[in-house]
Amino acid sequence: MKICNYYVHGGVEKHHNGSFTMYGTVEGITNELVKMTYFDYTLENACKHFKKHLRKKAEEISMFVNQA
């Protein structure tokens, strides 16, 4: 199964409470914005978790795109 293209973009938004919001896009039939906020994570760990989450989302969307 071919996985849809996905990428991180928009940098990292750091909030006053120490949390990080990260943004990415999965290219499927339409581009889907993926946004996650991480509390109590280092920036390095938040990036690792976000990349895993983004890949999982791309795999989920790929199942639907490949059926179309």
N, C-alpha and C. Protein backbone atom coordinates (compact mmCIF):
# COMPACT_ATOMS: atom_id res chain seq x y z
N MET A 1 0.85 -1.18 0.00
CA MET A 1 0.00 0.00 0.00
C MET A 1 0.89 1.24 0.00
N LYS A 2 0.59 2.15 -0.89
CA LYS A 2 1.33 3.41 -0.97
C LYS A 2 0.80 4.36 0.11
N ILE A 3 1.73 4.97 0.85
CA ILE A 3 1.35 5.91 1.90
C ILE A 3 1.34 7.31 1.32
N CYS A 4 0.32 8.08 1.68
CA CYS A 4 0.21 9.47 1.23
C CYS A 4 1.43 10.27 1.71
N ASN A 5 1.79 11.28 0.95
CA ASN A 5 2.86 12.19 1.36
C ASN A 5 2.42 12.96 2.59
N TYR A 6 3.36 13.21 3.48
CA TYR A 6 3.08 13.99 4.68
C TYR A 6 4.32 14.78 5.05
N TYR A 7 4.12 15.91 5.70
CA TYR A 7 5.26 16.74 6.08
C TYR A 7 4.88 17.67 7.22
N VAL A 8 5.90 18.05 7.98
CA VAL A 8 5.75 19.00 9.08
C VAL A 8 5.97 20.39 8.49
N HIS A 9 5.19 21.35 8.93
CA HIS A 9 5.38 22.72 8.44
C HIS A 9 4.93 23.72 9.49
N GLY A 10 5.21 24.95 9.24
CA GLY A 10 4.73 26.03 10.11
C GLY A 10 5.54 26.20 11.38
N GLY A 11 6.59 25.43 11.52
CA GLY A 11 7.41 25.57 12.72
C GLY A 11 6.71 25.06 13.96
N VAL A 12 7.16 25.54 15.09
CA VAL A 12 6.62 25.13 16.38
C VAL A 12 6.13 26.37 17.10
N GLU A 13 4.93 26.28 17.61
CA GLU A 13 4.38 27.39 18.38
C GLU A 13 4.53 27.05 19.86
N LYS A 14 5.28 27.86 20.59
CA LYS A 14 5.48 27.63 22.02
C LYS A 14 4.54 28.56 22.79
N HIS A 15 3.80 28.00 23.72
CA HIS A 15 2.81 28.75 24.49
C HIS A 15 3.39 29.16 25.85
N HIS A 16 2.76 30.14 26.46
CA HIS A 16 3.23 30.67 27.74
C HIS A 16 3.21 29.63 28.86
N ASN A 17 2.41 28.57 28.71
CA ASN A 17 2.33 27.53 29.73
C ASN A 17 3.35 26.42 29.51
N GLY A 18 4.25 26.59 28.52
CA GLY A 18 5.29 25.61 28.27
C GLY A 18 4.93 24.53 27.28
N SER A 19 3.71 24.55 26.76
CA SER A 19 3.31 23.54 25.78
C SER A 19 3.77 23.95 24.38
N PHE A 20 3.79 22.97 23.47
CA PHE A 20 4.17 23.19 22.08
C PHE A 20 3.02 22.76 21.18
N THR A 21 2.75 23.52 20.13
CA THR A 21 1.81 23.10 19.10
C THR A 21 2.60 22.94 17.82
N MET A 22 2.38 21.79 17.17
CA MET A 22 3.09 21.48 15.93
C MET A 22 2.07 21.25 14.83
N TYR A 23 2.46 21.58 13.60
CA TYR A 23 1.56 21.51 12.46
C TYR A 23 2.17 20.66 11.36
N GLY A 24 1.32 19.94 10.66
CA GLY A 24 1.75 19.14 9.52
C GLY A 24 0.61 18.99 8.54
N THR A 25 0.90 18.42 7.39
CA THR A 25 -0.11 18.20 6.35
C THR A 25 0.05 16.79 5.80
N VAL A 26 -1.09 16.15 5.55
CA VAL A 26 -1.12 14.87 4.85
C VAL A 26 -1.81 15.14 3.53
N GLU A 27 -1.13 14.77 2.44
CA GLU A 27 -1.68 14.97 1.10
C GLU A 27 -2.47 13.73 0.70
N GLY A 28 -3.78 13.85 0.70
CA GLY A 28 -4.64 12.76 0.27
C GLY A 28 -5.46 13.25 -0.90
N ILE A 29 -6.76 12.95 -0.90
CA ILE A 29 -7.65 13.49 -1.92
C ILE A 29 -7.68 15.01 -1.79
N THR A 30 -7.72 15.47 -0.55
CA THR A 30 -7.52 16.88 -0.23
C THR A 30 -6.41 16.94 0.80
N ASN A 31 -5.76 18.07 0.95
CA ASN A 31 -4.73 18.21 1.97
C ASN A 31 -5.39 18.34 3.33
N GLU A 32 -4.94 17.54 4.27
CA GLU A 32 -5.51 17.58 5.62
C GLU A 32 -4.49 18.14 6.59
N LEU A 33 -4.88 19.21 7.28
CA LEU A 33 -4.02 19.82 8.29
C LEU A 33 -4.07 18.97 9.56
N VAL A 34 -2.91 18.70 10.11
CA VAL A 34 -2.80 17.95 11.36
C VAL A 34 -2.14 18.87 12.38
N LYS A 35 -2.75 18.97 13.54
CA LYS A 35 -2.27 19.89 14.58
C LYS A 35 -2.31 19.15 15.91
N MET A 36 -1.22 19.19 16.64
CA MET A 36 -1.16 18.54 17.96
C MET A 36 -0.48 19.48 18.94
N THR A 37 -0.98 19.49 20.17
CA THR A 37 -0.37 20.27 21.24
C THR A 37 0.17 19.29 22.28
N TYR A 38 1.40 19.52 22.71
CA TYR A 38 2.06 18.64 23.67
C TYR A 38 2.36 19.42 24.95
N PHE A 39 1.97 18.85 26.08
CA PHE A 39 2.24 19.41 27.40
C PHE A 39 3.29 18.53 28.08
N ASP A 40 4.16 19.13 28.85
CA ASP A 40 5.16 18.41 29.65
C ASP A 40 6.08 17.54 28.79
N TYR A 41 6.41 17.98 27.61
CA TYR A 41 7.37 17.30 26.73
C TYR A 41 8.52 18.25 26.44
N THR A 42 9.70 17.69 26.23
CA THR A 42 10.78 18.50 25.70
C THR A 42 10.48 18.71 24.21
N LEU A 43 11.09 19.69 23.61
CA LEU A 43 10.86 19.94 22.18
C LEU A 43 11.29 18.71 21.36
N GLU A 44 12.38 18.09 21.73
CA GLU A 44 12.88 16.91 21.01
C GLU A 44 11.87 15.77 21.07
N ASN A 45 11.33 15.48 22.25
CA ASN A 45 10.35 14.40 22.39
C ASN A 45 9.03 14.74 21.70
N ALA A 46 8.62 16.00 21.77
CA ALA A 46 7.39 16.41 21.09
C ALA A 46 7.53 16.21 19.58
N CYS A 47 8.70 16.53 19.02
CA CYS A 47 8.93 16.34 17.58
C CYS A 47 8.85 14.87 17.21
N LYS A 48 9.45 14.00 18.01
CA LYS A 48 9.42 12.56 17.75
C LYS A 48 7.98 12.04 17.77
N HIS A 49 7.22 12.43 18.79
CA HIS A 49 5.84 11.98 18.90
C HIS A 49 4.99 12.52 17.75
N PHE A 50 5.21 13.76 17.37
CA PHE A 50 4.42 14.35 16.30
C PHE A 50 4.69 13.66 14.97
N LYS A 51 5.94 13.35 14.69
CA LYS A 51 6.27 12.67 13.43
C LYS A 51 5.62 11.29 13.37
N LYS A 52 5.60 10.58 14.50
CA LYS A 52 4.92 9.28 14.56
C LYS A 52 3.42 9.44 14.34
N HIS A 53 2.83 10.45 14.98
CA HIS A 53 1.40 10.71 14.83
C HIS A 53 1.06 11.08 13.39
N LEU A 54 1.89 11.89 12.78
CA LEU A 54 1.67 12.33 11.40
C LEU A 54 1.74 11.14 10.44
N ARG A 55 2.70 10.25 10.64
CA ARG A 55 2.81 9.06 9.79
C ARG A 55 1.58 8.16 9.95
N LYS A 56 1.14 7.98 11.20
CA LYS A 56 -0.04 7.14 11.45
C LYS A 56 -1.27 7.74 10.76
N LYS A 57 -1.42 9.05 10.82
CA LYS A 57 -2.53 9.73 10.15
C LYS A 57 -2.44 9.53 8.64
N ALA A 58 -1.22 9.61 8.09
CA ALA A 58 -1.02 9.40 6.65
C ALA A 58 -1.40 7.98 6.26
N GLU A 59 -1.07 7.00 7.10
CA GLU A 59 -1.43 5.61 6.82
C GLU A 59 -2.95 5.43 6.83
N GLU A 60 -3.63 6.07 7.80
CA GLU A 60 -5.09 5.98 7.88
C GLU A 60 -5.74 6.58 6.64
N ILE A 61 -5.28 7.74 6.23
CA ILE A 61 -5.85 8.41 5.06
C ILE A 61 -5.53 7.61 3.80
N SER A 62 -4.38 6.99 3.74
CA SER A 62 -3.99 6.19 2.57
C SER A 62 -4.95 5.05 2.32
N MET A 63 -5.49 4.46 3.37
CA MET A 63 -6.44 3.36 3.20
C MET A 63 -7.65 3.83 2.40
N PHE A 64 -8.12 5.04 2.66
CA PHE A 64 -9.28 5.57 1.96
C PHE A 64 -8.94 6.03 0.55
N VAL A 65 -7.76 6.62 0.38
CA VAL A 65 -7.34 7.11 -0.93
C VAL A 65 -7.14 5.94 -1.88
N ASN A 66 -6.54 4.86 -1.40
CA ASN A 66 -6.26 3.70 -2.23
C ASN A 66 -7.55 2.97 -2.64
N GLN A 67 -8.62 3.13 -1.87
CA GLN A 67 -9.90 2.51 -2.20
C GLN A 67 -10.65 3.31 -3.25
N ALA A 68 -10.37 4.61 -3.31
CA ALA A 68 -11.10 5.49 -4.25
C ALA A 68 -10.68 5.27 -5.68
